[in-house]
Amino acid sequence: MSRAGLERLTSLLTERIGPPRDHGTDASRVEPLRRQVRHAVTGIDAYLSAVEAGNCAAVGLREQALELWQGLERLASVRPGPDAADSGAG
C-alpha cells in the first residue's frame, strides 16, 4: 500500500469504469461504483497521510485502509474494461 500504488489502482479503475453515463444498461451502476472508488481512495489517502505525518492514529486506520485497498483490488480484477461493457459482454 503506497501512494504510487494507489495512483496506479485509481487510474486503472477510472479507465475501466469509464465516463459517466446518463443512459444505457450500465448507467445505474457507474455512479455508485464511482462513489465507492472515491470513498475507498479517500480512506486510503487518509491512512497514508497519517503514516507520513507520523500520526499515532495511523495504527488504528491501517486495518480499515487495508480492507479498502483489497476492495479496490477486487474491483480492478472483476470489472470489465470499457470496450467489454460497450460490446455487451459485461
PDB file of N, CA and C in Angstrom:
ATOM      1  N   MET A   1       0.859  -1.164   0.000  1.00  0.00           N
ATOM      2  CA  MET A   1       0.000   0.000   0.000  1.00  0.00           C
ATOM      3  C   MET A   1       0.906   1.228   0.000  1.00  0.00           C
ATOM      4  N   SER A   2       0.850   1.978  -1.074  1.00  0.00           N
ATOM      5  CA  SER A   2       1.681   3.169  -1.214  1.00  0.00           C
ATOM      6  C   SER A   2       0.939   4.197  -2.058  1.00  0.00           C
ATOM      7  N   ARG A   3       1.442   5.428  -2.038  1.00  0.00           N
ATOM      8  CA  ARG A   3       0.829   6.478  -2.870  1.00  0.00           C
ATOM      9  C   ARG A   3       0.904   6.117  -4.347  1.00  0.00           C
ATOM     10  N   ALA A   4       2.068   5.633  -4.770  1.00  0.00           N
ATOM     11  CA  ALA A   4       2.228   5.266  -6.185  1.00  0.00           C
ATOM     12  C   ALA A   4       1.272   4.130  -6.553  1.00  0.00           C
ATOM     13  N   GLY A   5       1.156   3.153  -5.674  1.00  0.00           N
ATOM     14  CA  GLY A   5       0.236   2.052  -5.921  1.00  0.00           C
ATOM     15  C   GLY A   5      -1.207   2.516  -5.956  1.00  0.00           C
ATOM     16  N   LEU A   6      -1.548   3.436  -5.072  1.00  0.00           N
ATOM     17  CA  LEU A   6      -2.898   3.984  -5.037  1.00  0.00           C
ATOM     18  C   LEU A   6      -3.200   4.745  -6.323  1.00  0.00           C
ATOM     19  N   GLU A   7      -2.240   5.503  -6.800  1.00  0.00           N
ATOM     20  CA  GLU A   7      -2.429   6.236  -8.056  1.00  0.00           C
ATOM     21  C   GLU A   7      -2.633   5.280  -9.229  1.00  0.00           C
ATOM     22  N   ARG A   8      -1.834   4.202  -9.280  1.00  0.00           N
ATOM     23  CA  ARG A   8      -1.977   3.219 -10.361  1.00  0.00           C
ATOM     24  C   ARG A   8      -3.341   2.540 -10.302  1.00  0.00           C
ATOM     25  N   LEU A   9      -3.745   2.139  -9.114  1.00  0.00           N
ATOM     26  CA  LEU A   9      -5.021   1.457  -8.943  1.00  0.00           C
ATOM     27  C   LEU A   9      -6.187   2.383  -9.272  1.00  0.00           C
ATOM     28  N   THR A  10      -6.108   3.617  -8.828  1.00  0.00           N
ATOM     29  CA  THR A  10      -7.158   4.599  -9.117  1.00  0.00           C
ATOM     30  C   THR A  10      -7.258   4.847 -10.615  1.00  0.00           C
ATOM     31  N   SER A  11      -6.121   4.974 -11.253  1.00  0.00           N
ATOM     32  CA  SER A  11      -6.081   5.208 -12.696  1.00  0.00           C
ATOM     33  C   SER A  11      -6.702   4.032 -13.453  1.00  0.00           C
ATOM     34  N   LEU A  12      -6.340   2.839 -13.061  1.00  0.00           N
ATOM     35  CA  LEU A  12      -6.873   1.641 -13.702  1.00  0.00           C
ATOM     36  C   LEU A  12      -8.389   1.574 -13.550  1.00  0.00           C
ATOM     37  N   LEU A  13      -8.871   1.812 -12.336  1.00  0.00           N
ATOM     38  CA  LEU A  13     -10.310   1.747 -12.099  1.00  0.00           C
ATOM     39  C   LEU A  13     -11.056   2.856 -12.825  1.00  0.00           C
ATOM     40  N   THR A  14     -10.498   4.043 -12.859  1.00  0.00           N
ATOM     41  CA  THR A  14     -11.125   5.153 -13.575  1.00  0.00           C
ATOM     42  C   THR A  14     -11.267   4.807 -15.056  1.00  0.00           C
ATOM     43  N   GLU A  15     -10.230   4.209 -15.607  1.00  0.00           N
ATOM     44  CA  GLU A  15     -10.266   3.811 -17.018  1.00  0.00           C
ATOM     45  C   GLU A  15     -11.294   2.710 -17.240  1.00  0.00           C
ATOM     46  N   ARG A  16     -11.315   1.735 -16.360  1.00  0.00           N
ATOM     47  CA  ARG A  16     -12.238   0.602 -16.521  1.00  0.00           C
ATOM     48  C   ARG A  16     -13.693   0.993 -16.313  1.00  0.00           C
ATOM     49  N   ILE A  17     -13.939   1.876 -15.367  1.00  0.00           N
ATOM     50  CA  ILE A  17     -15.322   2.297 -15.109  1.00  0.00           C
ATOM     51  C   ILE A  17     -15.821   3.146 -16.269  1.00  0.00           C
ATOM     52  N   GLY A  18     -14.939   3.948 -16.824  1.00  0.00           N
ATOM     53  CA  GLY A  18     -15.302   4.775 -17.963  1.00  0.00           C
ATOM     54  C   GLY A  18     -15.976   6.067 -17.553  1.00  0.00           C
ATOM     55  N   PRO A  19     -16.405   6.827 -18.553  1.00  0.00           N
ATOM     56  CA  PRO A  19     -17.020   8.129 -18.285  1.00  0.00           C
ATOM     57  C   PRO A  19     -18.419   7.971 -17.689  1.00  0.00           C
ATOM     58  N   PRO A  20     -18.920   9.028 -17.044  1.00  0.00           N
ATOM     59  CA  PRO A  20     -20.287   8.979 -16.525  1.00  0.00           C
ATOM     60  C   PRO A  20     -21.267   8.690 -17.668  1.00  0.00           C
ATOM     61  N   ARG A  21     -22.282   7.921 -17.372  1.00  0.00           N
ATOM     62  CA  ARG A  21     -23.286   7.582 -18.384  1.00  0.00           C
ATOM     63  C   ARG A  21     -24.644   8.055 -17.899  1.00  0.00           C
ATOM     64  N   ASP A  22     -25.343   8.786 -18.758  1.00  0.00           N
ATOM     65  CA  ASP A  22     -26.679   9.274 -18.409  1.00  0.00           C
ATOM     66  C   ASP A  22     -27.766   8.260 -18.746  1.00  0.00           C
ATOM     67  N   HIS A  23     -27.462   7.360 -19.666  1.00  0.00           N
ATOM     68  CA  HIS A  23     -28.445   6.361 -20.071  1.00  0.00           C
ATOM     69  C   HIS A  23     -27.715   5.111 -20.553  1.00  0.00           C
ATOM     70  N   GLY A  24     -28.465   4.074 -20.804  1.00  0.00           N
ATOM     71  CA  GLY A  24     -27.869   2.816 -21.224  1.00  0.00           C
ATOM     72  C   GLY A  24     -27.910   1.795 -20.103  1.00  0.00           C
ATOM     73  N   THR A  25     -27.477   0.589 -20.415  1.00  0.00           N
ATOM     74  CA  THR A  25     -27.593  -0.508 -19.463  1.00  0.00           C
ATOM     75  C   THR A  25     -26.716  -0.340 -18.236  1.00  0.00           C
ATOM     76  N   ASP A  26     -25.570   0.339 -18.354  1.00  0.00           N
ATOM     77  CA  ASP A  26     -24.656   0.494 -17.223  1.00  0.00           C
ATOM     78  C   ASP A  26     -24.851   1.791 -16.443  1.00  0.00           C
ATOM     79  N   ALA A  27     -25.755   2.639 -16.886  1.00  0.00           N
ATOM     80  CA  ALA A  27     -25.900   3.965 -16.270  1.00  0.00           C
ATOM     81  C   ALA A  27     -26.173   3.896 -14.774  1.00  0.00           C
ATOM     82  N   SER A  28     -27.014   2.979 -14.343  1.00  0.00           N
ATOM     83  CA  SER A  28     -27.372   2.912 -12.924  1.00  0.00           C
ATOM     84  C   SER A  28     -26.277   2.304 -12.062  1.00  0.00           C
ATOM     85  N   ARG A  29     -25.276   1.691 -12.685  1.00  0.00           N
ATOM     86  CA  ARG A  29     -24.183   1.084 -11.917  1.00  0.00           C
ATOM     87  C   ARG A  29     -22.931   1.946 -11.881  1.00  0.00           C
ATOM     88  N   VAL A  30     -22.744   2.801 -12.852  1.00  0.00           N
ATOM     89  CA  VAL A  30     -21.499   3.552 -12.958  1.00  0.00           C
ATOM     90  C   VAL A  30     -21.318   4.542 -11.815  1.00  0.00           C
ATOM     91  N   GLU A  31     -22.308   5.355 -11.523  1.00  0.00           N
ATOM     92  CA  GLU A  31     -22.137   6.376 -10.482  1.00  0.00           C
ATOM     93  C   GLU A  31     -21.949   5.771  -9.095  1.00  0.00           C
ATOM     94  N   PRO A  32     -22.725   4.756  -8.704  1.00  0.00           N
ATOM     95  CA  PRO A  32     -22.450   4.134  -7.395  1.00  0.00           C
ATOM     96  C   PRO A  32     -21.043   3.527  -7.328  1.00  0.00           C
ATOM     97  N   LEU A  33     -20.589   2.976  -8.422  1.00  0.00           N
ATOM     98  CA  LEU A  33     -19.240   2.412  -8.458  1.00  0.00           C
ATOM     99  C   LEU A  33     -18.193   3.517  -8.333  1.00  0.00           C
ATOM    100  N   ARG A  34     -18.433   4.636  -9.014  1.00  0.00           N
ATOM    101  CA  ARG A  34     -17.526   5.791  -8.891  1.00  0.00           C
ATOM    102  C   ARG A  34     -17.462   6.270  -7.443  1.00  0.00           C
ATOM    103  N   ARG A  35     -18.609   6.363  -6.769  1.00  0.00           N
ATOM    104  CA  ARG A  35     -18.640   6.788  -5.362  1.00  0.00           C
ATOM    105  C   ARG A  35     -17.890   5.802  -4.475  1.00  0.00           C
ATOM    106  N   GLN A  36     -18.064   4.527  -4.741  1.00  0.00           N
ATOM    107  CA  GLN A  36     -17.376   3.502  -3.955  1.00  0.00           C
ATOM    108  C   GLN A  36     -15.859   3.649  -4.091  1.00  0.00           C
ATOM    109  N   VAL A  37     -15.403   3.872  -5.306  1.00  0.00           N
ATOM    110  CA  VAL A  37     -13.960   4.054  -5.538  1.00  0.00           C
ATOM    111  C   VAL A  37     -13.480   5.318  -4.845  1.00  0.00           C
ATOM    112  N   ARG A  38     -14.212   6.419  -4.980  1.00  0.00           N
ATOM    113  CA  ARG A  38     -13.813   7.677  -4.326  1.00  0.00           C
ATOM    114  C   ARG A  38     -13.730   7.508  -2.818  1.00  0.00           C
ATOM    115  N   HIS A  39     -14.705   6.820  -2.238  1.00  0.00           N
ATOM    116  CA  HIS A  39     -14.721   6.587  -0.794  1.00  0.00           C
ATOM    117  C   HIS A  39     -13.484   5.801  -0.368  1.00  0.00           C
ATOM    118  N   ALA A  40     -13.186   4.736  -1.086  1.00  0.00           N
ATOM    119  CA  ALA A  40     -12.025   3.905  -0.747  1.00  0.00           C
ATOM    120  C   ALA A  40     -10.729   4.692  -0.892  1.00  0.00           C
ATOM    121  N   VAL A  41     -10.598   5.436  -1.972  1.00  0.00           N
ATOM    122  CA  VAL A  41      -9.381   6.224  -2.202  1.00  0.00           C
ATOM    123  C   VAL A  41      -9.211   7.271  -1.105  1.00  0.00           C
ATOM    124  N   THR A  42     -10.303   7.904  -0.698  1.00  0.00           N
ATOM    125  CA  THR A  42     -10.237   8.905   0.369  1.00  0.00           C
ATOM    126  C   THR A  42      -9.770   8.277   1.683  1.00  0.00           C
ATOM    127  N   GLY A  43     -10.297   7.111   2.008  1.00  0.00           N
ATOM    128  CA  GLY A  43      -9.899   6.422   3.234  1.00  0.00           C
ATOM    129  C   GLY A  43      -8.438   6.003   3.214  1.00  0.00           C
ATOM    130  N   ILE A  44      -7.998   5.461   2.088  1.00  0.00           N
ATOM    131  CA  ILE A  44      -6.597   5.039   1.964  1.00  0.00           C
ATOM    132  C   ILE A  44      -5.680   6.252   2.019  1.00  0.00           C
ATOM    133  N   ASP A  45      -6.090   7.332   1.359  1.00  0.00           N
ATOM    134  CA  ASP A  45      -5.301   8.566   1.376  1.00  0.00           C
ATOM    135  C   ASP A  45      -5.167   9.101   2.800  1.00  0.00           C
ATOM    136  N   ALA A  46      -6.245   9.030   3.583  1.00  0.00           N
ATOM    137  CA  ALA A  46      -6.181   9.484   4.976  1.00  0.00           C
ATOM    138  C   ALA A  46      -5.183   8.653   5.766  1.00  0.00           C
ATOM    139  N   TYR A  47      -5.196   7.362   5.563  1.00  0.00           N
ATOM    140  CA  TYR A  47      -4.242   6.489   6.243  1.00  0.00           C
ATOM    141  C   TYR A  47      -2.810   6.832   5.835  1.00  0.00           C
ATOM    142  N   LEU A  48      -2.555   6.952   4.540  1.00  0.00           N
ATOM    143  CA  LEU A  48      -1.199   7.269   4.067  1.00  0.00           C
ATOM    144  C   LEU A  48      -0.731   8.622   4.590  1.00  0.00           C
ATOM    145  N   SER A  49      -1.631   9.594   4.649  1.00  0.00           N
ATOM    146  CA  SER A  49      -1.281  10.910   5.191  1.00  0.00           C
ATOM    147  C   SER A  49      -0.910  10.810   6.667  1.00  0.00           C
ATOM    148  N   ALA A  50      -1.665  10.012   7.417  1.00  0.00           N
ATOM    149  CA  ALA A  50      -1.377   9.835   8.844  1.00  0.00           C
ATOM    150  C   ALA A  50      -0.017   9.165   9.030  1.00  0.00           C
ATOM    151  N   VAL A  51       0.288   8.170   8.203  1.00  0.00           N
ATOM    152  CA  VAL A  51       1.592   7.496   8.277  1.00  0.00           C
ATOM    153  C   VAL A  51       2.707   8.486   7.975  1.00  0.00           C
ATOM    154  N   GLU A  52       2.535   9.254   6.903  1.00  0.00           N
ATOM    155  CA  GLU A  52       3.561  10.226   6.503  1.00  0.00           C
ATOM    156  C   GLU A  52       3.785  11.292   7.571  1.00  0.00           C
ATOM    157  N   ALA A  53       2.728  11.646   8.283  1.00  0.00           N
ATOM    158  CA  ALA A  53       2.830  12.673   9.327  1.00  0.00           C
ATOM    159  C   ALA A  53       3.323  12.091  10.651  1.00  0.00           C
ATOM    160  N   GLY A  54       3.455  10.767  10.710  1.00  0.00           N
ATOM    161  CA  GLY A  54       3.880  10.141  11.952  1.00  0.00           C
ATOM    162  C   GLY A  54       2.799  10.159  13.009  1.00  0.00           C
ATOM    163  N   ASN A  55       1.565  10.281  12.586  1.00  0.00           N
ATOM    164  CA  ASN A  55       0.426  10.358  13.491  1.00  0.00           C
ATOM    165  C   ASN A  55       0.127   8.975  14.066  1.00  0.00           C
ATOM    166  N   CYS A  56      -0.049   8.893  15.360  1.00  0.00           N
ATOM    167  CA  CYS A  56      -0.330   7.606  16.013  1.00  0.00           C
ATOM    168  C   CYS A  56      -1.689   7.044  15.597  1.00  0.00           C
ATOM    169  N   ALA A  57      -2.558   7.858  15.038  1.00  0.00           N
ATOM    170  CA  ALA A  57      -3.863   7.382  14.555  1.00  0.00           C
ATOM    171  C   ALA A  57      -3.701   6.425  13.382  1.00  0.00           C
ATOM    172  N   ALA A  58      -2.546   6.452  12.728  1.00  0.00           N
ATOM    173  CA  ALA A  58      -2.312   5.574  11.583  1.00  0.00           C
ATOM    174  C   ALA A  58      -2.454   4.110  11.964  1.00  0.00           C
ATOM    175  N   VAL A  59      -2.059   3.777  13.174  1.00  0.00           N
ATOM    176  CA  VAL A  59      -2.156   2.382  13.633  1.00  0.00           C
ATOM    177  C   VAL A  59      -3.607   1.921  13.594  1.00  0.00           C
ATOM    178  N   GLY A  60      -4.508   2.752  14.068  1.00  0.00           N
ATOM    179  CA  GLY A  60      -5.929   2.408  14.083  1.00  0.00           C
ATOM    180  C   GLY A  60      -6.569   2.411  12.706  1.00  0.00           C
ATOM    181  N   LEU A  61      -6.001   3.150  11.774  1.00  0.00           N
ATOM    182  CA  LEU A  61      -6.565   3.251  10.428  1.00  0.00           C
ATOM    183  C   LEU A  61      -6.063   2.158   9.489  1.00  0.00           C
ATOM    184  N   ARG A  62      -4.976   1.495   9.869  1.00  0.00           N
ATOM    185  CA  ARG A  62      -4.334   0.539   8.967  1.00  0.00           C
ATOM    186  C   ARG A  62      -5.269  -0.574   8.513  1.00  0.00           C
ATOM    187  N   GLU A  63      -5.987  -1.181   9.428  1.00  0.00           N
ATOM    188  CA  GLU A  63      -6.870  -2.299   9.074  1.00  0.00           C
ATOM    189  C   GLU A  63      -7.965  -1.845   8.113  1.00  0.00           C
ATOM    190  N   GLN A  64      -8.566  -0.685   8.402  1.00  0.00           N
ATOM    191  CA  GLN A  64      -9.607  -0.161   7.518  1.00  0.00           C
ATOM    192  C   GLN A  64      -9.034   0.156   6.138  1.00  0.00           C
ATOM    193  N   ALA A  65      -7.859   0.756   6.104  1.00  0.00           N
ATOM    194  CA  ALA A  65      -7.235   1.096   4.828  1.00  0.00           C
ATOM    195  C   ALA A  65      -6.919  -0.168   4.028  1.00  0.00           C
ATOM    196  N   LEU A  66      -6.467  -1.189   4.711  1.00  0.00           N
ATOM    197  CA  LEU A  66      -6.153  -2.447   4.034  1.00  0.00           C
ATOM    198  C   LEU A  66      -7.423  -3.075   3.446  1.00  0.00           C
ATOM    199  N   GLU A  67      -8.521  -3.022   4.184  1.00  0.00           N
ATOM    200  CA  GLU A  67      -9.791  -3.541   3.662  1.00  0.00           C
ATOM    201  C   GLU A  67     -10.239  -2.747   2.434  1.00  0.00           C
ATOM    202  N   LEU A  68     -10.085  -1.428   2.486  1.00  0.00           N
ATOM    203  CA  LEU A  68     -10.448  -0.595   1.342  1.00  0.00           C
ATOM    204  C   LEU A  68      -9.563  -0.921   0.141  1.00  0.00           C
ATOM    205  N   TRP A  69      -8.267  -1.094   0.402  1.00  0.00           N
ATOM    206  CA  TRP A  69      -7.306  -1.426  -0.651  1.00  0.00           C
ATOM    207  C   TRP A  69      -7.697  -2.741  -1.320  1.00  0.00           C
ATOM    208  N   GLN A  70      -8.000  -3.740  -0.510  1.00  0.00           N
ATOM    209  CA  GLN A  70      -8.374  -5.047  -1.046  1.00  0.00           C
ATOM    210  C   GLN A  70      -9.674  -4.960  -1.842  1.00  0.00           C
ATOM    211  N   GLY A  71     -10.581  -4.104  -1.402  1.00  0.00           N
ATOM    212  CA  GLY A  71     -11.818  -3.878  -2.152  1.00  0.00           C
ATOM    213  C   GLY A  71     -11.542  -3.288  -3.521  1.00  0.00           C
ATOM    214  N   LEU A  72     -10.631  -2.322  -3.588  1.00  0.00           N
ATOM    215  CA  LEU A  72     -10.264  -1.738  -4.875  1.00  0.00           C
ATOM    216  C   LEU A  72      -9.602  -2.783  -5.769  1.00  0.00           C
ATOM    217  N   GLU A  73      -8.753  -3.609  -5.188  1.00  0.00           N
ATOM    218  CA  GLU A  73      -8.108  -4.660  -5.976  1.00  0.00           C
ATOM    219  C   GLU A  73      -9.136  -5.651  -6.524  1.00  0.00           C
ATOM    220  N   ARG A  74     -10.137  -5.990  -5.719  1.00  0.00           N
ATOM    221  CA  ARG A  74     -11.199  -6.889  -6.197  1.00  0.00           C
ATOM    222  C   ARG A  74     -11.968  -6.248  -7.354  1.00  0.00           C
ATOM    223  N   LEU A  75     -12.296  -4.969  -7.201  1.00  0.00           N
ATOM    224  CA  LEU A  75     -12.984  -4.265  -8.288  1.00  0.00           C
ATOM    225  C   LEU A  75     -12.142  -4.258  -9.553  1.00  0.00           C
ATOM    226  N   ALA A  76     -10.862  -4.010  -9.407  1.00  0.00           N
ATOM    227  CA  ALA A  76      -9.971  -3.958 -10.564  1.00  0.00           C
ATOM    228  C   ALA A  76      -9.873  -5.318 -11.245  1.00  0.00           C
ATOM    229  N   SER A  77      -9.993  -6.379 -10.478  1.00  0.00           N
ATOM    230  CA  SER A  77      -9.835  -7.711 -11.061  1.00  0.00           C
ATOM    231  C   SER A  77     -11.109  -8.227 -11.732  1.00  0.00           C
ATOM    232  N   VAL A  78     -12.283  -7.713 -11.360  1.00  0.00           N
ATOM    233  CA  VAL A  78     -13.514  -8.250 -11.922  1.00  0.00           C
ATOM    234  C   VAL A  78     -14.253  -7.293 -12.841  1.00  0.00           C
ATOM    235  N   ARG A  79     -13.977  -6.031 -12.746  1.00  0.00           N
ATOM    236  CA  ARG A  79     -14.695  -5.052 -13.563  1.00  0.00           C
ATOM    237  C   ARG A  79     -14.165  -5.083 -14.985  1.00  0.00           C
ATOM    238  N   PRO A  80     -15.030  -5.351 -15.975  1.00  0.00           N
ATOM    239  CA  PRO A  80     -14.562  -5.354 -17.361  1.00  0.00           C
ATOM    240  C   PRO A  80     -14.172  -3.961 -17.819  1.00  0.00           C
ATOM    241  N   GLY A  81     -13.304  -3.891 -18.788  1.00  0.00           N
ATOM    242  CA  GLY A  81     -12.885  -2.626 -19.362  1.00  0.00           C
ATOM    243  C   GLY A  81     -14.023  -2.001 -20.140  1.00  0.00           C
ATOM    244  N   PRO A  82     -13.905  -0.719 -20.513  1.00  0.00           N
ATOM    245  CA  PRO A  82     -14.959  -0.012 -21.245  1.00  0.00           C
ATOM    246  C   PRO A  82     -15.353  -0.706 -22.545  1.00  0.00           C
ATOM    247  N   ASP A  83     -14.381  -1.311 -23.248  1.00  0.00           N
ATOM    248  CA  ASP A  83     -14.680  -1.983 -24.508  1.00  0.00           C
ATOM    249  C   ASP A  83     -15.601  -3.179 -24.295  1.00  0.00           C
ATOM    250  N   ALA A  84     -15.365  -3.949 -23.235  1.00  0.00           N
ATOM    251  CA  ALA A  84     -16.195  -5.112 -22.942  1.00  0.00           C
ATOM    252  C   ALA A  84     -17.617  -4.677 -22.585  1.00  0.00           C
ATOM    253  N   ALA A  85     -17.744  -3.609 -21.802  1.00  0.00           N
ATOM    254  CA  ALA A  85     -19.059  -3.123 -21.401  1.00  0.00           C
ATOM    255  C   ALA A  85     -19.829  -2.615 -22.624  1.00  0.00           C
ATOM    256  N   ASP A  86     -19.145  -1.932 -23.544  1.00  0.00           N
ATOM    257  CA  ASP A  86     -19.791  -1.391 -24.726  1.00  0.00           C
ATOM    258  C   ASP A  86     -20.226  -2.477 -25.683  1.00  0.00           C
ATOM    259  N   SER A  87     -19.517  -3.616 -25.686  1.00  0.00           N
ATOM    260  CA  SER A  87     -19.845  -4.679 -26.614  1.00  0.00           C
ATOM    261  C   SER A  87     -20.936  -5.600 -26.080  1.00  0.00           C
ATOM    262  N   GLY A  88     -21.390  -5.340 -24.839  1.00  0.00           N
ATOM    263  CA  GLY A  88     -22.434  -6.143 -24.251  1.00  0.00           C
ATOM    264  C   GLY A  88     -21.919  -7.373 -23.528  1.00  0.00           C
ATOM    265  N   ALA A  89     -20.606  -7.506 -23.377  1.00  0.00           N
ATOM    266  CA  ALA A  89     -20.027  -8.659 -22.706  1.00  0.00           C
ATOM    267  C   ALA A  89     -20.031  -8.503 -21.203  1.00  0.00           C
ATOM    268  N   GLY A  90     -20.382  -7.347 -20.679  1.00  0.00           N
ATOM    269  CA  GLY A  90     -20.270  -7.144 -19.239  1.00  0.00           C
ATOM    270  C   GLY A  90     -21.501  -6.820 -18.620  1.00  0.00           C
TER     271      GLY A  90
END
